[in-house]
Amino acid sequence: MLTIKESILIYIGPPIPSRGLFQFGSFVGDIPEFLEPPMQVEEIRELVVDVNNLVEAKKELSIVGTENNKVF
């Protein structure tokens, strides 16, 4: 059985190919160094969620007025 001790983060925002950031890109543990510049933007950072919260976060994207919807 596979066990992962580090958290898995997923970016649920729109793709930003010029920065190497793609929707549903996943990261084990922490955000890679090359993505630190775009992560300085609060709105982008808010769209990085823990995999355990993915379903709820995606649901919020589709509800007008929620924080994730506004940020997206």
PDB file of N, CA and C in Angstrom:
ATOM      1  N   MET A   1       0.833  -1.180   0.000  1.00  0.00           N
ATOM      2  CA  MET A   1       0.000   0.000   0.000  1.00  0.00           C
ATOM      3  C   MET A   1       0.879   1.245   0.000  1.00  0.00           C
ATOM      4  N   LEU A   2       0.548   2.194  -0.835  1.00  0.00           N
ATOM      5  CA  LEU A   2       1.300   3.436  -0.969  1.00  0.00           C
ATOM      6  C   LEU A   2       0.852   4.426   0.100  1.00  0.00           C
ATOM      7  N   THR A   3       1.796   4.972   0.818  1.00  0.00           N
ATOM      8  CA  THR A   3       1.474   6.027   1.779  1.00  0.00           C
ATOM      9  C   THR A   3       2.348   7.231   1.478  1.00  0.00           C
ATOM     10  N   ILE A   4       1.744   8.393   1.527  1.00  0.00           N
ATOM     11  CA  ILE A   4       2.472   9.632   1.284  1.00  0.00           C
ATOM     12  C   ILE A   4       2.436  10.437   2.567  1.00  0.00           C
ATOM     13  N   LYS A   5       3.600  10.758   3.087  1.00  0.00           N
ATOM     14  CA  LYS A   5       3.671  11.473   4.351  1.00  0.00           C
ATOM     15  C   LYS A   5       3.621  12.975   4.153  1.00  0.00           C
ATOM     16  N   GLU A   6       3.914  13.452   2.954  1.00  0.00           N
ATOM     17  CA  GLU A   6       3.877  14.881   2.685  1.00  0.00           C
ATOM     18  C   GLU A   6       2.538  15.238   2.044  1.00  0.00           C
ATOM     19  N   SER A   7       2.137  16.476   2.218  1.00  0.00           N
ATOM     20  CA  SER A   7       0.878  16.903   1.618  1.00  0.00           C
ATOM     21  C   SER A   7       1.034  17.041   0.105  1.00  0.00           C
ATOM     22  N   ILE A   8      -0.065  16.909  -0.588  1.00  0.00           N
ATOM     23  CA  ILE A   8      -0.094  17.108  -2.036  1.00  0.00           C
ATOM     24  C   ILE A   8      -0.932  18.353  -2.287  1.00  0.00           C
ATOM     25  N   LEU A   9      -0.342  19.318  -2.988  1.00  0.00           N
ATOM     26  CA  LEU A   9      -1.024  20.566  -3.307  1.00  0.00           C
ATOM     27  C   LEU A   9      -1.378  20.571  -4.782  1.00  0.00           C
ATOM     28  N   ILE A  10      -2.526  21.156  -5.112  1.00  0.00           N
ATOM     29  CA  ILE A  10      -2.988  21.217  -6.502  1.00  0.00           C
ATOM     30  C   ILE A  10      -3.404  22.648  -6.820  1.00  0.00           C
ATOM     31  N   TYR A  11      -2.950  23.150  -7.956  1.00  0.00           N
ATOM     32  CA  TYR A  11      -3.340  24.474  -8.434  1.00  0.00           C
ATOM     33  C   TYR A  11      -4.628  24.330  -9.237  1.00  0.00           C
ATOM     34  N   ILE A  12      -5.687  25.048  -8.819  1.00  0.00           N
ATOM     35  CA  ILE A  12      -6.981  24.917  -9.493  1.00  0.00           C
ATOM     36  C   ILE A  12      -7.346  26.154 -10.312  1.00  0.00           C
ATOM     37  N   GLY A  13      -6.420  27.072 -10.439  1.00  0.00           N
ATOM     38  CA  GLY A  13      -6.694  28.299 -11.192  1.00  0.00           C
ATOM     39  C   GLY A  13      -6.487  28.116 -12.679  1.00  0.00           C
ATOM     40  N   PRO A  14      -6.649  29.212 -13.425  1.00  0.00           N
ATOM     41  CA  PRO A  14      -6.450  29.142 -14.874  1.00  0.00           C
ATOM     42  C   PRO A  14      -4.968  28.936 -15.199  1.00  0.00           C
ATOM     43  N   PRO A  15      -4.675  28.333 -16.337  1.00  0.00           N
ATOM     44  CA  PRO A  15      -3.270  28.109 -16.690  1.00  0.00           C
ATOM     45  C   PRO A  15      -2.543  29.425 -16.965  1.00  0.00           C
ATOM     46  N   ILE A  16      -1.281  29.463 -16.548  1.00  0.00           N
ATOM     47  CA  ILE A  16      -0.388  30.586 -16.842  1.00  0.00           C
ATOM     48  C   ILE A  16       0.873  29.969 -17.441  1.00  0.00           C
ATOM     49  N   PRO A  17       0.797  29.548 -18.719  1.00  0.00           N
ATOM     50  CA  PRO A  17       1.910  28.807 -19.331  1.00  0.00           C
ATOM     51  C   PRO A  17       3.233  29.567 -19.321  1.00  0.00           C
ATOM     52  N   SER A  18       3.188  30.892 -19.435  1.00  0.00           N
ATOM     53  CA  SER A  18       4.430  31.660 -19.453  1.00  0.00           C
ATOM     54  C   SER A  18       5.198  31.536 -18.139  1.00  0.00           C
ATOM     55  N   ARG A  19       4.510  31.148 -17.076  1.00  0.00           N
ATOM     56  CA  ARG A  19       5.137  30.966 -15.769  1.00  0.00           C
ATOM     57  C   ARG A  19       5.275  29.492 -15.399  1.00  0.00           C
ATOM     58  N   GLY A  20       4.861  28.597 -16.296  1.00  0.00           N
ATOM     59  CA  GLY A  20       4.964  27.164 -16.018  1.00  0.00           C
ATOM     60  C   GLY A  20       3.912  26.656 -15.058  1.00  0.00           C
ATOM     61  N   LEU A  21       2.792  27.376 -14.972  1.00  0.00           N
ATOM     62  CA  LEU A  21       1.737  27.017 -14.039  1.00  0.00           C
ATOM     63  C   LEU A  21       0.518  26.564 -14.828  1.00  0.00           C
ATOM     64  N   PHE A  22       0.103  25.319 -14.596  1.00  0.00           N
ATOM     65  CA  PHE A  22      -1.005  24.742 -15.342  1.00  0.00           C
ATOM     66  C   PHE A  22      -2.093  24.274 -14.393  1.00  0.00           C
ATOM     67  N   GLN A  23      -3.345  24.395 -14.848  1.00  0.00           N
ATOM     68  CA  GLN A  23      -4.468  23.985 -14.024  1.00  0.00           C
ATOM     69  C   GLN A  23      -4.321  22.510 -13.663  1.00  0.00           C
ATOM     70  N   PHE A  24      -4.551  22.209 -12.416  1.00  0.00           N
ATOM     71  CA  PHE A  24      -4.451  20.877 -11.821  1.00  0.00           C
ATOM     72  C   PHE A  24      -3.023  20.354 -11.753  1.00  0.00           C
ATOM     73  N   GLY A  25      -2.045  21.278 -11.869  1.00  0.00           N
ATOM     74  CA  GLY A  25      -0.662  20.895 -11.606  1.00  0.00           C
ATOM     75  C   GLY A  25      -0.544  20.537 -10.138  1.00  0.00           C
ATOM     76  N   SER A  26       0.169  19.470  -9.827  1.00  0.00           N
ATOM     77  CA  SER A  26       0.255  19.043  -8.434  1.00  0.00           C
ATOM     78  C   SER A  26       1.702  19.081  -7.949  1.00  0.00           C
ATOM     79  N   PHE A  27       1.830  19.295  -6.659  1.00  0.00           N
ATOM     80  CA  PHE A  27       3.132  19.431  -6.028  1.00  0.00           C
ATOM     81  C   PHE A  27       3.122  18.630  -4.736  1.00  0.00           C
ATOM     82  N   VAL A  28       4.146  17.821  -4.536  1.00  0.00           N
ATOM     83  CA  VAL A  28       4.257  17.034  -3.310  1.00  0.00           C
ATOM     84  C   VAL A  28       5.130  17.822  -2.335  1.00  0.00           C
ATOM     85  N   GLY A  29       4.578  18.082  -1.168  1.00  0.00           N
ATOM     86  CA  GLY A  29       5.332  18.784  -0.138  1.00  0.00           C
ATOM     87  C   GLY A  29       5.148  20.281  -0.195  1.00  0.00           C
ATOM     88  N   ASP A  30       5.775  20.939  -1.151  1.00  0.00           N
ATOM     89  CA  ASP A  30       5.718  22.394  -1.234  1.00  0.00           C
ATOM     90  C   ASP A  30       5.810  22.835  -2.691  1.00  0.00           C
ATOM     91  N   ILE A  31       5.577  24.104  -2.896  1.00  0.00           N
ATOM     92  CA  ILE A  31       5.633  24.695  -4.239  1.00  0.00           C
ATOM     93  C   ILE A  31       7.099  24.718  -4.706  1.00  0.00           C
ATOM     94  N   PRO A  32       7.380  24.299  -5.946  1.00  0.00           N
ATOM     95  CA  PRO A  32       8.750  24.343  -6.458  1.00  0.00           C
ATOM     96  C   PRO A  32       9.279  25.790  -6.528  1.00  0.00           C
ATOM     97  N   GLU A  33      10.580  25.931  -6.414  1.00  0.00           N
ATOM     98  CA  GLU A  33      11.205  27.261  -6.429  1.00  0.00           C
ATOM     99  C   GLU A  33      10.876  28.070  -7.670  1.00  0.00           C
ATOM    100  N   PHE A  34      10.821  27.442  -8.838  1.00  0.00           N
ATOM    101  CA  PHE A  34      10.581  28.199 -10.063  1.00  0.00           C
ATOM    102  C   PHE A  34       9.181  28.813 -10.093  1.00  0.00           C
ATOM    103  N   LEU A  35       8.277  28.351  -9.227  1.00  0.00           N
ATOM    104  CA  LEU A  35       6.929  28.919  -9.167  1.00  0.00           C
ATOM    105  C   LEU A  35       6.765  29.944  -8.046  1.00  0.00           C
ATOM    106  N   GLU A  36       7.832  30.228  -7.324  1.00  0.00           N
ATOM    107  CA  GLU A  36       7.738  31.209  -6.241  1.00  0.00           C
ATOM    108  C   GLU A  36       7.329  32.599  -6.738  1.00  0.00           C
ATOM    109  N   PRO A  37       7.864  33.112  -7.864  1.00  0.00           N
ATOM    110  CA  PRO A  37       7.428  34.453  -8.297  1.00  0.00           C
ATOM    111  C   PRO A  37       5.915  34.576  -8.516  1.00  0.00           C
ATOM    112  N   PRO A  38       5.268  33.669  -9.265  1.00  0.00           N
ATOM    113  CA  PRO A  38       3.820  33.838  -9.401  1.00  0.00           C
ATOM    114  C   PRO A  38       3.072  33.597  -8.095  1.00  0.00           C
ATOM    115  N   MET A  39       3.640  32.817  -7.193  1.00  0.00           N
ATOM    116  CA  MET A  39       2.971  32.549  -5.917  1.00  0.00           C
ATOM    117  C   MET A  39       3.004  33.756  -4.988  1.00  0.00           C
ATOM    118  N   GLN A  40       3.790  34.780  -5.349  1.00  0.00           N
ATOM    119  CA  GLN A  40       3.802  36.010  -4.563  1.00  0.00           C
ATOM    120  C   GLN A  40       2.487  36.774  -4.735  1.00  0.00           C
ATOM    121  N   VAL A  41       1.761  36.465  -5.812  1.00  0.00           N
ATOM    122  CA  VAL A  41       0.457  37.098  -6.049  1.00  0.00           C
ATOM    123  C   VAL A  41      -0.565  36.336  -5.216  1.00  0.00           C
ATOM    124  N   GLU A  42      -1.183  37.035  -4.278  1.00  0.00           N
ATOM    125  CA  GLU A  42      -2.088  36.384  -3.327  1.00  0.00           C
ATOM    126  C   GLU A  42      -3.207  35.606  -4.008  1.00  0.00           C
ATOM    127  N   GLU A  43      -3.770  36.160  -5.082  1.00  0.00           N
ATOM    128  CA  GLU A  43      -4.880  35.508  -5.769  1.00  0.00           C
ATOM    129  C   GLU A  43      -4.464  34.169  -6.369  1.00  0.00           C
ATOM    130  N   ILE A  44      -3.237  34.094  -6.845  1.00  0.00           N
ATOM    131  CA  ILE A  44      -2.742  32.831  -7.402  1.00  0.00           C
ATOM    132  C   ILE A  44      -2.508  31.834  -6.274  1.00  0.00           C
ATOM    133  N   ARG A  45      -1.888  32.282  -5.208  1.00  0.00           N
ATOM    134  CA  ARG A  45      -1.582  31.397  -4.077  1.00  0.00           C
ATOM    135  C   ARG A  45      -2.862  30.815  -3.468  1.00  0.00           C
ATOM    136  N   GLU A  46      -3.954  31.599  -3.451  1.00  0.00           N
ATOM    137  CA  GLU A  46      -5.213  31.125  -2.884  1.00  0.00           C
ATOM    138  C   GLU A  46      -5.822  29.978  -3.684  1.00  0.00           C
ATOM    139  N   LEU A  47      -5.396  29.834  -4.938  1.00  0.00           N
ATOM    140  CA  LEU A  47      -5.931  28.765  -5.779  1.00  0.00           C
ATOM    141  C   LEU A  47      -5.072  27.498  -5.740  1.00  0.00           C
ATOM    142  N   VAL A  48      -4.168  27.438  -4.795  1.00  0.00           N
ATOM    143  CA  VAL A  48      -3.404  26.221  -4.527  1.00  0.00           C
ATOM    144  C   VAL A  48      -4.041  25.590  -3.294  1.00  0.00           C
ATOM    145  N   VAL A  49      -4.602  24.403  -3.464  1.00  0.00           N
ATOM    146  CA  VAL A  49      -5.327  23.750  -2.369  1.00  0.00           C
ATOM    147  C   VAL A  49      -4.741  22.372  -2.076  1.00  0.00           C
ATOM    148  N   ASP A  50      -4.967  21.923  -0.872  1.00  0.00           N
ATOM    149  CA  ASP A  50      -4.568  20.573  -0.490  1.00  0.00           C
ATOM    150  C   ASP A  50      -5.479  19.585  -1.220  1.00  0.00           C
ATOM    151  N   VAL A  51      -4.944  18.473  -1.637  1.00  0.00           N
ATOM    152  CA  VAL A  51      -5.720  17.483  -2.381  1.00  0.00           C
ATOM    153  C   VAL A  51      -6.948  17.024  -1.590  1.00  0.00           C
ATOM    154  N   ASN A  52      -6.852  17.039  -0.274  1.00  0.00           N
ATOM    155  CA  ASN A  52      -7.985  16.634   0.556  1.00  0.00           C
ATOM    156  C   ASN A  52      -9.151  17.619   0.468  1.00  0.00           C
ATOM    157  N   ASN A  53      -8.893  18.833   0.022  1.00  0.00           N
ATOM    158  CA  ASN A  53      -9.928  19.859  -0.100  1.00  0.00           C
ATOM    159  C   ASN A  53     -10.302  20.132  -1.550  1.00  0.00           C
ATOM    160  N   LEU A  54      -9.817  19.320  -2.470  1.00  0.00           N
ATOM    161  CA  LEU A  54     -10.000  19.573  -3.894  1.00  0.00           C
ATOM    162  C   LEU A  54     -11.466  19.611  -4.316  1.00  0.00           C
ATOM    163  N   VAL A  55     -12.251  18.649  -3.905  1.00  0.00           N
ATOM    164  CA  VAL A  55     -13.655  18.583  -4.336  1.00  0.00           C
ATOM    165  C   VAL A  55     -14.409  19.828  -3.882  1.00  0.00           C
ATOM    166  N   GLU A  56     -14.248  20.193  -2.633  1.00  0.00           N
ATOM    167  CA  GLU A  56     -14.942  21.371  -2.117  1.00  0.00           C
ATOM    168  C   GLU A  56     -14.449  22.653  -2.789  1.00  0.00           C
ATOM    169  N   ALA A  57     -13.151  22.770  -2.998  1.00  0.00           N
ATOM    170  CA  ALA A  57     -12.591  23.958  -3.638  1.00  0.00           C
ATOM    171  C   ALA A  57     -13.100  24.092  -5.073  1.00  0.00           C
ATOM    172  N   LYS A  58     -13.166  22.987  -5.809  1.00  0.00           N
ATOM    173  CA  LYS A  58     -13.682  23.037  -7.186  1.00  0.00           C
ATOM    174  C   LYS A  58     -15.155  23.412  -7.192  1.00  0.00           C
ATOM    175  N   LYS A  59     -15.902  22.920  -6.224  1.00  0.00           N
ATOM    176  CA  LYS A  59     -17.312  23.254  -6.130  1.00  0.00           C
ATOM    177  C   LYS A  59     -17.477  24.759  -5.916  1.00  0.00           C
ATOM    178  N   GLU A  60     -16.639  25.332  -5.054  1.00  0.00           N
ATOM    179  CA  GLU A  60     -16.693  26.766  -4.788  1.00  0.00           C
ATOM    180  C   GLU A  60     -16.377  27.601  -6.024  1.00  0.00           C
ATOM    181  N   LEU A  61     -15.529  27.065  -6.909  1.00  0.00           N
ATOM    182  CA  LEU A  61     -15.203  27.804  -8.131  1.00  0.00           C
ATOM    183  C   LEU A  61     -16.450  28.090  -8.963  1.00  0.00           C
ATOM    184  N   SER A  62     -17.411  27.182  -8.931  1.00  0.00           N
ATOM    185  CA  SER A  62     -18.587  27.323  -9.785  1.00  0.00           C
ATOM    186  C   SER A  62     -19.715  28.125  -9.132  1.00  0.00           C
ATOM    187  N   ILE A  63     -19.559  28.494  -7.863  1.00  0.00           N
ATOM    188  CA  ILE A  63     -20.602  29.254  -7.177  1.00  0.00           C
ATOM    189  C   ILE A  63     -20.228  30.732  -7.199  1.00  0.00           C
ATOM    190  N   VAL A  64     -21.018  31.516  -7.911  1.00  0.00           N
ATOM    191  CA  VAL A  64     -20.755  32.951  -8.047  1.00  0.00           C
ATOM    192  C   VAL A  64     -20.770  33.607  -6.670  1.00  0.00           C
ATOM    193  N   GLY A  65     -19.725  34.397  -6.404  1.00  0.00           N
ATOM    194  CA  GLY A  65     -19.643  35.135  -5.157  1.00  0.00           C
ATOM    195  C   GLY A  65     -18.744  34.528  -4.105  1.00  0.00           C
ATOM    196  N   THR A  66     -18.364  33.241  -4.259  1.00  0.00           N
ATOM    197  CA  THR A  66     -17.462  32.633  -3.282  1.00  0.00           C
ATOM    198  C   THR A  66     -16.055  33.191  -3.494  1.00  0.00           C
ATOM    199  N   GLU A  67     -15.221  33.066  -2.490  1.00  0.00           N
ATOM    200  CA  GLU A  67     -13.857  33.585  -2.592  1.00  0.00           C
ATOM    201  C   GLU A  67     -13.101  32.952  -3.758  1.00  0.00           C
ATOM    202  N   ASN A  68     -13.184  31.621  -3.908  1.00  0.00           N
ATOM    203  CA  ASN A  68     -12.478  30.964  -5.017  1.00  0.00           C
ATOM    204  C   ASN A  68     -13.001  31.437  -6.365  1.00  0.00           C
ATOM    205  N   ASN A  69     -14.298  31.658  -6.469  1.00  0.00           N
ATOM    206  CA  ASN A  69     -14.878  32.142  -7.722  1.00  0.00           C
ATOM    207  C   ASN A  69     -14.370  33.534  -8.048  1.00  0.00           C
ATOM    208  N   LYS A  70     -14.334  34.400  -7.055  1.00  0.00           N
ATOM    209  CA  LYS A  70     -13.860  35.780  -7.263  1.00  0.00           C
ATOM    210  C   LYS A  70     -12.390  35.791  -7.685  1.00  0.00           C
ATOM    211  N   VAL A  71     -11.578  34.972  -7.017  1.00  0.00           N
ATOM    212  CA  VAL A  71     -10.154  34.927  -7.310  1.00  0.00           C
ATOM    213  C   VAL A  71      -9.899  34.353  -8.696  1.00  0.00           C
ATOM    214  N   PHE A  72     -10.651  33.328  -9.069  1.00  0.00           N
ATOM    215  CA  PHE A  72     -10.471  32.690 -10.369  1.00  0.00           C
ATOM    216  C   PHE A  72     -10.735  33.704 -11.474  1.00  0.00           C
TER     217      PHE A  72
END
